[in-house]
Amino acid sequence: MVEREPVGLLDTNVIIQFKNLDFRQLPVEAFISSITLGELSIGVALAADKKVSVDRQAHVQFAESRLTTLPFDDACARTLAQVSGDLRSVGRKQKSRAFDSLIAATAISWRLPLFTLNPDDYRGISRLDLRHLSLPSHS
């Protein structure tokens, strides 16, 4: 039996796919970044129709009611400089990875592993303790 991580920061895509995940992949105590809450809220505002908006609002409400949101604070802002430098050193543009960079800086600053379904979004960021999740395959 694989032991669950005690704590971790969940990427935005994990919240969106939460009900499709095997909870055993997730940390016992999960947090989100205030950046993730912002991303989810932007998704509601930019929804193409009412049904999509309602579905996306459910993700926001789930995150707000079930998870502790960690602020993007001064320490996170200072860590962002290192994240941006890492991305530049591997030829990636920080602007195109803006939200991911902010979430990575939050995870590093708060010393939490980051759980994501899209590890390539964080390729090249040193000091980031990344945990790759996968969706169960349906045969």
Protein backbone atom coordinates (compact mmCIF):
# COMPACT_ATOMS: atom_id res chain seq x y z
CA MET A 1 0.00 0.00 0.00
CA VAL A 2 1.30 3.44 -0.95
CA GLU A 3 1.28 5.89 1.92
CA ARG A 4 -0.34 9.24 1.20
CA GLU A 5 1.66 12.42 1.51
CA PRO A 6 0.77 14.32 4.69
CA VAL A 7 0.42 17.75 3.01
CA GLY A 8 0.51 19.31 -0.43
CA LEU A 9 -0.56 22.15 -2.70
CA LEU A 10 -3.05 21.25 -5.43
CA ASP A 11 -2.67 22.69 -8.93
CA THR A 12 -5.71 24.25 -10.58
CA ASN A 13 -6.15 21.28 -12.93
CA VAL A 14 -6.42 18.98 -9.91
CA ILE A 15 -9.39 20.97 -8.59
CA ILE A 16 -11.06 20.85 -11.99
CA GLN A 17 -10.60 17.06 -12.20
CA PHE A 18 -11.02 16.39 -8.47
CA LYS A 19 -14.06 14.11 -8.70
CA ASN A 20 -12.31 11.98 -11.34
CA LEU A 21 -9.16 11.37 -9.24
CA ASP A 22 -8.29 8.49 -6.99
CA PHE A 23 -8.11 10.22 -3.60
CA ARG A 24 -5.22 7.93 -2.59
CA GLN A 25 -2.98 9.99 -4.89
CA LEU A 26 -3.78 13.15 -2.95
CA PRO A 27 -2.22 14.46 0.24
CA VAL A 28 -4.04 13.98 3.53
CA GLU A 29 -4.13 17.75 4.04
CA ALA A 30 -4.50 19.67 0.79
CA PHE A 31 -4.07 23.38 0.18
CA ILE A 32 -4.53 25.66 -2.81
CA SER A 33 -2.82 28.90 -3.72
CA SER A 34 -4.79 32.12 -3.88
CA ILE A 35 -3.64 32.07 -7.54
CA THR A 36 -5.62 28.86 -8.11
CA LEU A 37 -8.69 30.47 -6.59
CA GLY A 38 -8.16 33.37 -9.01
CA GLU A 39 -7.77 31.05 -11.99
CA LEU A 40 -10.95 29.20 -11.10
CA SER A 41 -12.84 32.48 -10.70
CA ILE A 42 -11.58 33.72 -14.08
CA GLY A 43 -12.94 30.50 -15.57
CA VAL A 44 -16.40 31.35 -14.23
CA ALA A 45 -16.23 34.90 -15.59
CA LEU A 46 -15.11 33.75 -19.05
CA ALA A 47 -17.56 30.84 -19.40
CA ALA A 48 -19.17 30.61 -22.82
CA ASP A 49 -22.62 29.75 -21.49
CA LYS A 50 -24.67 29.38 -18.31
CA LYS A 51 -24.10 25.62 -17.91
CA VAL A 52 -20.32 25.99 -18.16
CA SER A 53 -20.46 28.90 -15.73
CA VAL A 54 -22.44 26.85 -13.21
CA ASP A 55 -20.04 23.90 -13.54
CA ARG A 56 -17.04 26.16 -13.05
CA GLN A 57 -18.66 27.92 -10.10
CA ALA A 58 -19.00 24.50 -8.45
CA HIS A 59 -15.18 24.15 -8.62
CA VAL A 60 -14.78 27.54 -6.92
CA GLN A 61 -17.27 26.65 -4.20
CA PHE A 62 -15.63 23.27 -3.62
CA ALA A 63 -12.19 24.86 -3.29
CA GLU A 64 -13.41 27.61 -0.97
CA SER A 65 -15.41 25.30 1.28
CA ARG A 66 -13.06 22.30 1.50
CA LEU A 67 -9.51 23.61 1.14
CA THR A 68 -7.34 26.15 2.89
CA THR A 69 -6.18 28.90 0.56
CA LEU A 70 -2.60 30.04 1.02
CA PRO A 71 -1.88 33.69 0.18
CA PHE A 72 0.62 34.79 -2.41
CA ASP A 73 2.68 36.76 0.09
CA ASP A 74 6.03 38.61 0.16
CA ALA A 75 8.02 35.37 0.39
CA CYS A 76 6.17 34.00 -2.64
CA ALA A 77 6.90 37.20 -4.56
CA ARG A 78 10.62 36.89 -3.82
CA THR A 79 10.58 33.21 -4.84
CA LEU A 80 8.93 34.18 -8.13
CA ALA A 81 12.22 35.78 -9.23
CA GLN A 82 13.98 32.41 -8.89
CA VAL A 83 11.15 30.63 -10.74
CA SER A 84 11.35 33.17 -13.59
CA GLY A 85 15.11 32.72 -13.79
CA ASP A 86 14.73 28.95 -13.94
CA LEU A 87 12.25 29.19 -16.78
CA ARG A 88 14.47 31.58 -18.71
CA SER A 89 17.50 29.28 -18.25
CA VAL A 90 15.65 26.43 -20.00
CA GLY A 91 14.31 28.66 -22.78
CA ARG A 92 10.76 29.04 -21.50
CA LYS A 93 8.97 32.37 -21.25
CA GLN A 94 7.67 33.23 -17.81
CA LYS A 95 4.83 35.29 -19.29
CA SER A 96 3.35 32.27 -21.05
CA ARG A 97 3.55 30.35 -17.77
CA ALA A 98 2.40 33.23 -15.56
CA PHE A 99 -0.19 31.44 -13.40
CA ASP A 100 1.94 28.29 -13.22
CA SER A 101 4.95 30.37 -12.14
CA LEU A 102 2.93 32.00 -9.36
CA ILE A 103 1.61 28.62 -8.17
CA ALA A 104 5.13 27.12 -8.27
CA ALA A 105 6.48 30.08 -6.27
CA THR A 106 3.73 29.50 -3.70
CA ALA A 107 4.59 25.80 -3.36
CA ILE A 108 8.31 26.49 -3.01
CA SER A 109 7.82 29.35 -0.57
CA TRP A 110 5.42 27.38 1.64
CA ARG A 111 7.69 24.29 1.32
CA LEU A 112 4.91 22.08 -0.02
CA PRO A 113 4.95 19.49 -2.78
CA LEU A 114 2.83 20.53 -5.76
CA PHE A 115 0.34 17.96 -7.04
CA THR A 116 -0.52 18.35 -10.73
CA LEU A 117 -1.94 16.49 -13.70
CA ASN A 118 0.33 18.48 -16.04
CA PRO A 119 3.94 18.22 -14.84
CA ASP A 120 5.26 19.66 -18.11
CA ASP A 121 3.74 23.01 -17.08
CA TYR A 122 6.44 23.16 -14.41
CA ARG A 123 9.39 21.76 -16.37
CA GLY A 124 12.68 23.45 -15.51
CA ILE A 125 11.68 24.93 -12.15
CA SER A 126 14.31 23.96 -9.60
CA ARG A 127 13.50 23.49 -5.93
CA LEU A 128 9.91 22.55 -6.87
CA ASP A 129 8.84 19.27 -5.31
CA LEU A 130 6.46 18.09 -8.03
CA ARG A 131 4.05 15.15 -7.75
CA HIS A 132 2.53 13.89 -10.99
CA LEU A 133 -1.06 12.69 -10.63
CA SER A 134 -2.90 10.67 -13.23
CA LEU A 135 -6.53 10.14 -14.02
CA PRO A 136 -7.76 6.56 -13.77
CA SER A 137 -8.03 4.85 -17.14
CA HIS A 138 -11.47 3.60 -18.05
CA SER A 139 -11.32 0.33 -19.90
